[in-house]
C-alpha atoms as a PDB file:
ATOM      1  CA  HIS A   1      61.058   2.887 -28.476  1.00  0.00           C
ATOM      2  CA  ASN A   2      60.468   6.582 -27.437  1.00  0.00           C
ATOM      3  CA  VAL A   3      60.174   8.843 -30.616  1.00  0.00           C
ATOM      4  CA  GLY A   4      59.765  11.889 -27.595  1.00  0.00           C
ATOM      5  CA  ASP A   5      57.385  13.813 -25.991  1.00  0.00           C
ATOM      6  CA  MET A   6      53.927  15.721 -26.574  1.00  0.00           C
ATOM      7  CA  ASP A   7      52.608  19.073 -24.160  1.00  0.00           C
ATOM      8  CA  LEU A   8      49.008  19.006 -24.275  1.00  0.00           C
ATOM      9  CA  ALA A   9      46.350  21.190 -22.726  1.00  0.00           C
ATOM     10  CA  THR A  10      42.526  21.491 -22.540  1.00  0.00           C
ATOM     11  CA  VAL A  11      40.033  24.312 -21.647  1.00  0.00           C
ATOM     12  CA  MET A  12      36.326  22.842 -20.999  1.00  0.00           C
ATOM     13  CA  VAL A  13      33.281  24.621 -20.502  1.00  0.00           C
ATOM     14  CA  ARG A  14      29.426  23.394 -19.625  1.00  0.00           C
ATOM     15  CA  ALA A  15      26.386  24.629 -18.719  1.00  0.00           C
ATOM     16  CA  GLU A  16      24.222  22.607 -17.366  1.00  0.00           C
ATOM     17  CA  GLY A  17      20.858  24.552 -18.135  1.00  0.00           C
ATOM     18  CA  ILE A  18      20.298  27.171 -20.067  1.00  0.00           C
ATOM     19  CA  GLY A  19      18.748  29.770 -18.190  1.00  0.00           C
ATOM     20  CA  ASP A  20      17.243  29.968 -14.604  1.00  0.00           C
ATOM     21  CA  GLY A  21      13.641  28.905 -14.483  1.00  0.00           C
ATOM     22  CA  ILE A  22      12.727  30.316 -18.273  1.00  0.00           C
ATOM     23  CA  ASN A  23      11.472  26.171 -19.095  1.00  0.00           C
ATOM     24  CA  ASP A  24      11.600  22.484 -18.797  1.00  0.00           C
ATOM     25  CA  PHE A  25      13.121  22.559 -21.899  1.00  0.00           C
ATOM     26  CA  LEU A  26      16.087  24.950 -21.352  1.00  0.00           C
ATOM     27  CA  ASP A  27      16.588  24.029 -17.545  1.00  0.00           C
ATOM     28  CA  ASN A  28      17.568  20.512 -18.525  1.00  0.00           C
ATOM     29  CA  THR A  29      19.989  20.786 -20.801  1.00  0.00           C
ATOM     30  CA  VAL A  30      23.358  20.543 -21.189  1.00  0.00           C
ATOM     31  CA  ALA A  31      26.087  22.697 -23.038  1.00  0.00           C
ATOM     32  CA  PHE A  32      29.702  22.047 -23.561  1.00  0.00           C
ATOM     33  CA  ALA A  33      32.716  23.646 -25.558  1.00  0.00           C
ATOM     34  CA  SER A  34      36.853  22.715 -25.362  1.00  0.00           C
ATOM     35  CA  TRP A  35      39.446  23.464 -27.040  1.00  0.00           C
ATOM     36  CA  ALA A  36      42.465  21.332 -26.792  1.00  0.00           C
ATOM     37  CA  GLN A  37      46.255  22.052 -28.141  1.00  0.00           C
ATOM     38  CA  SER A  38      48.951  19.340 -28.492  1.00  0.00           C
ATOM     39  CA  LYS A  39      52.474  19.921 -29.145  1.00  0.00           C
ATOM     40  CA  THR A  40      55.443  17.706 -30.048  1.00  0.00           C
ATOM     41  CA  ARG A  41      58.579  17.061 -29.159  1.00  0.00           C
ATOM     42  CA  PRO A  42      60.772  14.793 -31.105  1.00  0.00           C
ATOM     43  CA  ASN A  43      63.835  13.810 -29.607  1.00  0.00           C
ATOM     44  CA  GLY A  44      65.078  13.429 -33.586  1.00  0.00           C
ATOM     45  CA  THR A  45      65.011   9.099 -33.863  1.00  0.00           C
ATOM     46  CA  SER A  46      63.136   7.023 -35.733  1.00  0.00           C
ATOM     47  CA  GLY A  47      61.806   9.578 -37.877  1.00  0.00           C
ATOM     48  CA  GLY A  48      60.717  11.778 -35.339  1.00  0.00           C
ATOM     49  CA  MET A  49      56.743  12.564 -34.633  1.00  0.00           C
ATOM     50  CA  LEU A  50      54.198  12.807 -37.081  1.00  0.00           C
ATOM     51  CA  GLY A  51      56.701  12.025 -39.780  1.00  0.00           C
ATOM     52  CA  THR A  52      58.758  14.931 -38.830  1.00  0.00           C
ATOM     53  CA  THR A  53      61.604  15.598 -36.168  1.00  0.00           C
ATOM     54  CA  ASP A  54      59.992  19.390 -36.051  1.00  0.00           C
ATOM     55  CA  SER A  55      58.325  20.176 -33.003  1.00  0.00           C
ATOM     56  CA  LYS A  56      55.113  20.663 -34.708  1.00  0.00           C
ATOM     57  CA  THR A  57      51.661  22.204 -32.990  1.00  0.00           C
ATOM     58  CA  GLY A  58      48.069  21.060 -33.396  1.00  0.00           C
ATOM     59  CA  HIS A  59      44.772  22.162 -32.006  1.00  0.00           C
ATOM     60  CA  SER A  60      40.997  21.058 -31.323  1.00  0.00           C
ATOM     61  CA  THR A  61      37.480  22.699 -30.911  1.00  0.00           C
ATOM     62  CA  TRP A  62      34.614  20.476 -29.762  1.00  0.00           C
ATOM     63  CA  ILE A  63      30.788  21.879 -29.125  1.00  0.00           C
ATOM     64  CA  GLY A  64      27.738  19.837 -28.759  1.00  0.00           C
ATOM     65  CA  VAL A  65      24.403  20.155 -26.728  1.00  0.00           C
ATOM     66  CA  ASP A  66      22.572  17.337 -25.005  1.00  0.00           C
ATOM     67  CA  MET A  67      18.817  17.770 -24.326  1.00  0.00           C
ATOM     68  CA  PRO A  68      15.482  16.473 -23.099  1.00  0.00           C
ATOM     69  CA  LEU A  69      13.164  14.810 -26.063  1.00  0.00           C
ATOM     70  CA  LEU A  70       9.805  16.233 -26.151  1.00  0.00           C
ATOM     71  CA  LEU A  71       8.343  13.008 -27.444  1.00  0.00           C
ATOM     72  CA  THR A  72       8.993  10.818 -24.536  1.00  0.00           C
ATOM     73  CA  GLU A  73       9.460  11.752 -20.823  1.00  0.00           C
ATOM     74  CA  ASP A  74      13.163  10.779 -19.615  1.00  0.00           C
ATOM     75  CA  GLY A  75      14.709  10.335 -23.977  1.00  0.00           C
ATOM     76  CA  ARG A  76      17.686  12.494 -24.277  1.00  0.00           C
ATOM     77  CA  TRP A  77      19.176  13.588 -27.777  1.00  0.00           C
ATOM     78  CA  GLY A  78      22.255  15.629 -28.406  1.00  0.00           C
ATOM     79  CA  ILE A  79      24.240  17.013 -31.580  1.00  0.00           C
ATOM     80  CA  GLU A  80      28.025  17.718 -31.019  1.00  0.00           C
ATOM     81  CA  TRP A  81      30.526  19.127 -33.930  1.00  0.00           C
ATOM     82  CA  ASN A  82      34.291  18.535 -33.620  1.00  0.00           C
ATOM     83  CA  LYS A  83      37.348  19.412 -35.905  1.00  0.00           C
ATOM     84  CA  GLY A  84      40.972  19.303 -35.820  1.00  0.00           C
ATOM     85  CA  SER A  85      44.308  20.914 -37.362  1.00  0.00           C
ATOM     86  CA  LYS A  86      46.942  19.655 -39.871  1.00  0.00           C
ATOM     87  CA  TYR A  87      49.392  18.559 -36.189  1.00  0.00           C
ATOM     88  CA  TRP A  88      46.002  17.777 -33.647  1.00  0.00           C
ATOM     89  CA  ARG A  89      47.347  14.869 -32.085  1.00  0.00           C
ATOM     90  CA  SER A  90      44.073  13.676 -29.695  1.00  0.00           C
ATOM     91  CA  VAL A  91      45.993  12.461 -25.727  1.00  0.00           C
ATOM     92  CA  THR A  92      42.738   9.117 -26.590  1.00  0.00           C
ATOM     93  CA  TYR A  93      42.663   7.018 -29.131  1.00  0.00           C
ATOM     94  CA  GLY A  94      39.395   5.556 -27.714  1.00  0.00           C
ATOM     95  CA  GLU A  95      37.723   4.754 -30.163  1.00  0.00           C
ATOM     96  CA  ASP A  96      34.178   6.031 -30.243  1.00  0.00           C
ATOM     97  CA  THR A  97      33.021   5.076 -33.873  1.00  0.00           C
ATOM     98  CA  MET A  98      34.134   1.826 -36.192  1.00  0.00           C
ATOM     99  CA  ALA A  99      35.770   4.245 -38.471  1.00  0.00           C
ATOM    100  CA  GLY A 100      38.132   5.808 -35.483  1.00  0.00           C
ATOM    101  CA  SER A 101      38.338   8.608 -33.169  1.00  0.00           C
ATOM    102  CA  LYS A 102      35.624  11.693 -33.915  1.00  0.00           C
ATOM    103  CA  ILE A 103      38.137  13.422 -31.047  1.00  0.00           C
ATOM    104  CA  ALA A 104      41.343  12.457 -33.012  1.00  0.00           C
ATOM    105  CA  ALA A 105      39.680  13.864 -36.622  1.00  0.00           C
ATOM    106  CA  ARG A 106      42.226  16.241 -38.550  1.00  0.00           C
ATOM    107  CA  GLY A 107      38.922  17.657 -39.910  1.00  0.00           C
ATOM    108  CA  THR A 108      35.331  18.024 -39.346  1.00  0.00           C
ATOM    109  CA  ALA A 109      33.442  15.979 -37.499  1.00  0.00           C
ATOM    110  CA  TRP A 110      29.252  15.982 -35.902  1.00  0.00           C
ATOM    111  CA  GLU A 111      27.264  13.827 -34.740  1.00  0.00           C
ATOM    112  CA  VAL A 112      23.578  13.262 -33.801  1.00  0.00           C
ATOM    113  CA  TYR A 113      22.821  10.814 -31.254  1.00  0.00           C
ATOM    114  CA  TYR A 114      19.183   9.631 -29.212  1.00  0.00           C
ATOM    115  CA  ASN A 115      19.138   7.870 -25.318  1.00  0.00           C
ATOM    116  CA  GLN A 116      16.847   6.524 -24.152  1.00  0.00           C
ATOM    117  CA  PRO A 117      15.507   4.558 -21.229  1.00  0.00           C
ATOM    118  CA  LEU A 118      14.200   1.618 -21.273  1.00  0.00           C
ATOM    119  CA  THR A 119      14.052   0.436 -17.935  1.00  0.00           C
ATOM    120  CA  LYS A 120      16.310   1.364 -14.928  1.00  0.00           C
ATOM    121  CA  ALA A 121      18.414  -1.260 -16.322  1.00  0.00           C
ATOM    122  CA  LEU A 122      17.966  -1.095 -19.901  1.00  0.00           C
ATOM    123  CA  HIS A 123      19.299   1.657 -22.171  1.00  0.00           C
ATOM    124  CA  PHE A 124      18.280   2.168 -25.813  1.00  0.00           C
ATOM    125  CA  ASN A 125      21.452   4.414 -28.077  1.00  0.00           C
ATOM    126  CA  ALA A 126      20.832   5.889 -31.588  1.00  0.00           C
ATOM    127  CA  ARG A 127      24.120   7.118 -33.265  1.00  0.00           C
ATOM    128  CA  TYR A 128      25.174   9.182 -36.652  1.00  0.00           C
ATOM    129  CA  THR A 129      28.514   9.776 -36.622  1.00  0.00           C
ATOM    130  CA  HIS A 130      30.257  11.752 -40.325  1.00  0.00           C
ATOM    131  CA  ILE A 131      34.239  12.620 -40.288  1.00  0.00           C
ATOM    132  CA  LYS A 132      35.509  14.722 -43.388  1.00  0.00           C
ATOM    133  CA  TYR A 133      39.192  14.562 -43.088  1.00  0.00           C
ATOM    134  CA  ASP A 134      40.761  17.155 -44.068  1.00  0.00           C
ATOM    135  CA  TYR A 135      44.526  15.222 -43.333  1.00  0.00           C
ATOM    136  CA  THR A 136      45.816  11.604 -43.490  1.00  0.00           C
ATOM    137  CA  GLY A 137      46.777   9.874 -40.065  1.00  0.00           C
ATOM    138  CA  SER A 138      44.544  11.002 -37.937  1.00  0.00           C
ATOM    139  CA  ASN A 139      44.157   7.445 -36.129  1.00  0.00           C
ATOM    140  CA  GLY A 140      47.867   7.080 -36.233  1.00  0.00           C
ATOM    141  CA  PHE A 141      50.586   6.728 -33.706  1.00  0.00           C
ATOM    142  CA  PHE A 142      53.713   8.378 -34.026  1.00  0.00           C
ATOM    143  CA  GLY A 143      56.115   8.070 -36.490  1.00  0.00           C
ATOM    144  CA  THR A 144      55.896   7.828 -40.435  1.00  0.00           C
ATOM    145  CA  ASP A 145      52.239   6.480 -39.860  1.00  0.00           C
ATOM    146  CA  GLY A 146      50.704   9.841 -38.118  1.00  0.00           C
ATOM    147  CA  THR A 147      52.022  12.195 -41.513  1.00  0.00           C
ATOM    148  CA  PRO A 148      49.571  14.534 -41.876  1.00  0.00           C
ATOM    149  CA  MET A 149      48.766  14.674 -45.463  1.00  0.00           C
ATOM    150  CA  SER A 150      46.195  16.820 -47.475  1.00  0.00           C
ATOM    151  CA  TRP A 151      45.011  15.067 -50.172  1.00  0.00           C
ATOM    152  CA  SER A 152      46.436  16.654 -53.301  1.00  0.00           C
ATOM    153  CA  GLU A 153      49.879  15.627 -52.003  1.00  0.00           C
ATOM    154  CA  VAL A 154      48.193  12.290 -51.278  1.00  0.00           C
ATOM    155  CA  ALA A 155      47.113  12.584 -55.102  1.00  0.00           C
ATOM    156  CA  GLN A 156      50.475  13.373 -55.950  1.00  0.00           C
ATOM    157  CA  TYR A 157      52.305  10.586 -54.378  1.00  0.00           C
ATOM    158  CA  SER A 158      49.700   8.132 -55.242  1.00  0.00           C
ATOM    159  CA  GLY A 159      50.880   9.036 -58.625  1.00  0.00           C
ATOM    160  CA  MET A 160      54.659   8.094 -57.715  1.00  0.00           C
ATOM    161  CA  GLY A 161      53.210   4.474 -56.768  1.00  0.00           C
ATOM    162  CA  MET A 162      52.393   5.059 -52.895  1.00  0.00           C
ATOM    163  CA  THR A 163      49.949   1.967 -52.203  1.00  0.00           C
ATOM    164  CA  ALA A 164      48.201   3.585 -49.087  1.00  0.00           C
ATOM    165  CA  ASP A 165      44.353   4.702 -49.378  1.00  0.00           C
ATOM    166  CA  PRO A 166      43.752   6.496 -47.085  1.00  0.00           C
ATOM    167  CA  VAL A 167      40.178   7.156 -45.769  1.00  0.00           C
ATOM    168  CA  LYS A 168      38.515  10.651 -46.889  1.00  0.00           C
ATOM    169  CA  GLU A 169      35.187  10.186 -45.397  1.00  0.00           C
ATOM    170  CA  ALA A 170      33.524   8.270 -43.102  1.00  0.00           C
ATOM    171  CA  SER A 171      29.999   7.553 -41.160  1.00  0.00           C
ATOM    172  CA  ASP A 172      29.361   5.588 -38.601  1.00  0.00           C
ATOM    173  CA  LEU A 173      25.276   4.122 -37.607  1.00  0.00           C
ATOM    174  CA  ARG A 174      24.963   3.000 -34.371  1.00  0.00           C
ATOM    175  CA  LEU A 175      22.192   1.662 -32.501  1.00  0.00           C
ATOM    176  CA  SER A 176      22.268  -0.316 -29.079  1.00  0.00           C
ATOM    177  CA  VAL A 177      21.034  -1.496 -25.998  1.00  0.00           C
ATOM    178  CA  SER A 178      22.770  -1.972 -23.034  1.00  0.00           C
ATOM    179  CA  TYR A 179      22.156  -3.521 -19.224  1.00  0.00           C
ATOM    180  CA  ARG A 180      23.105  -1.752 -16.429  1.00  0.00           C
ATOM    181  CA  PHE A 181      23.961  -3.864 -13.616  1.00  0.00           C
END
């Protein structure tokens, strides 16, 4: 049922090529930065949104760079970092790791990856992602499941009989081969 509305805004900048004609490495490097904001507008029913009936604003920052790998002719590697605030709510729940969405994290996430074409249709990918949550509820939806609690609040409630065991940190190592037809 309807628990309220949410407003979202995102500003993203992407630069394809850093420097013009300086060298092949910089010319083929892609850098990006994104800042996003979410604002809940609960309608006051069913525990509201993010565990409250009050409107809350959250934000997320995401930066990264994708570069040629100098050891191979067409391989690429990259690094990304993002940070979400206490009341950040992502627009997508696309799971990019086995632990959940790094973009939805209320905390800090970083990722290092390597992509290598093997043939025109076959590609190899290696990726390591680490997420350190500052608050609970990053991958929860609205209502009480998405309530952000600090780790000191979790410890306090655990002493009072709370049975949930939220994740503080998660890592994901992924190796894959994909075929594009």
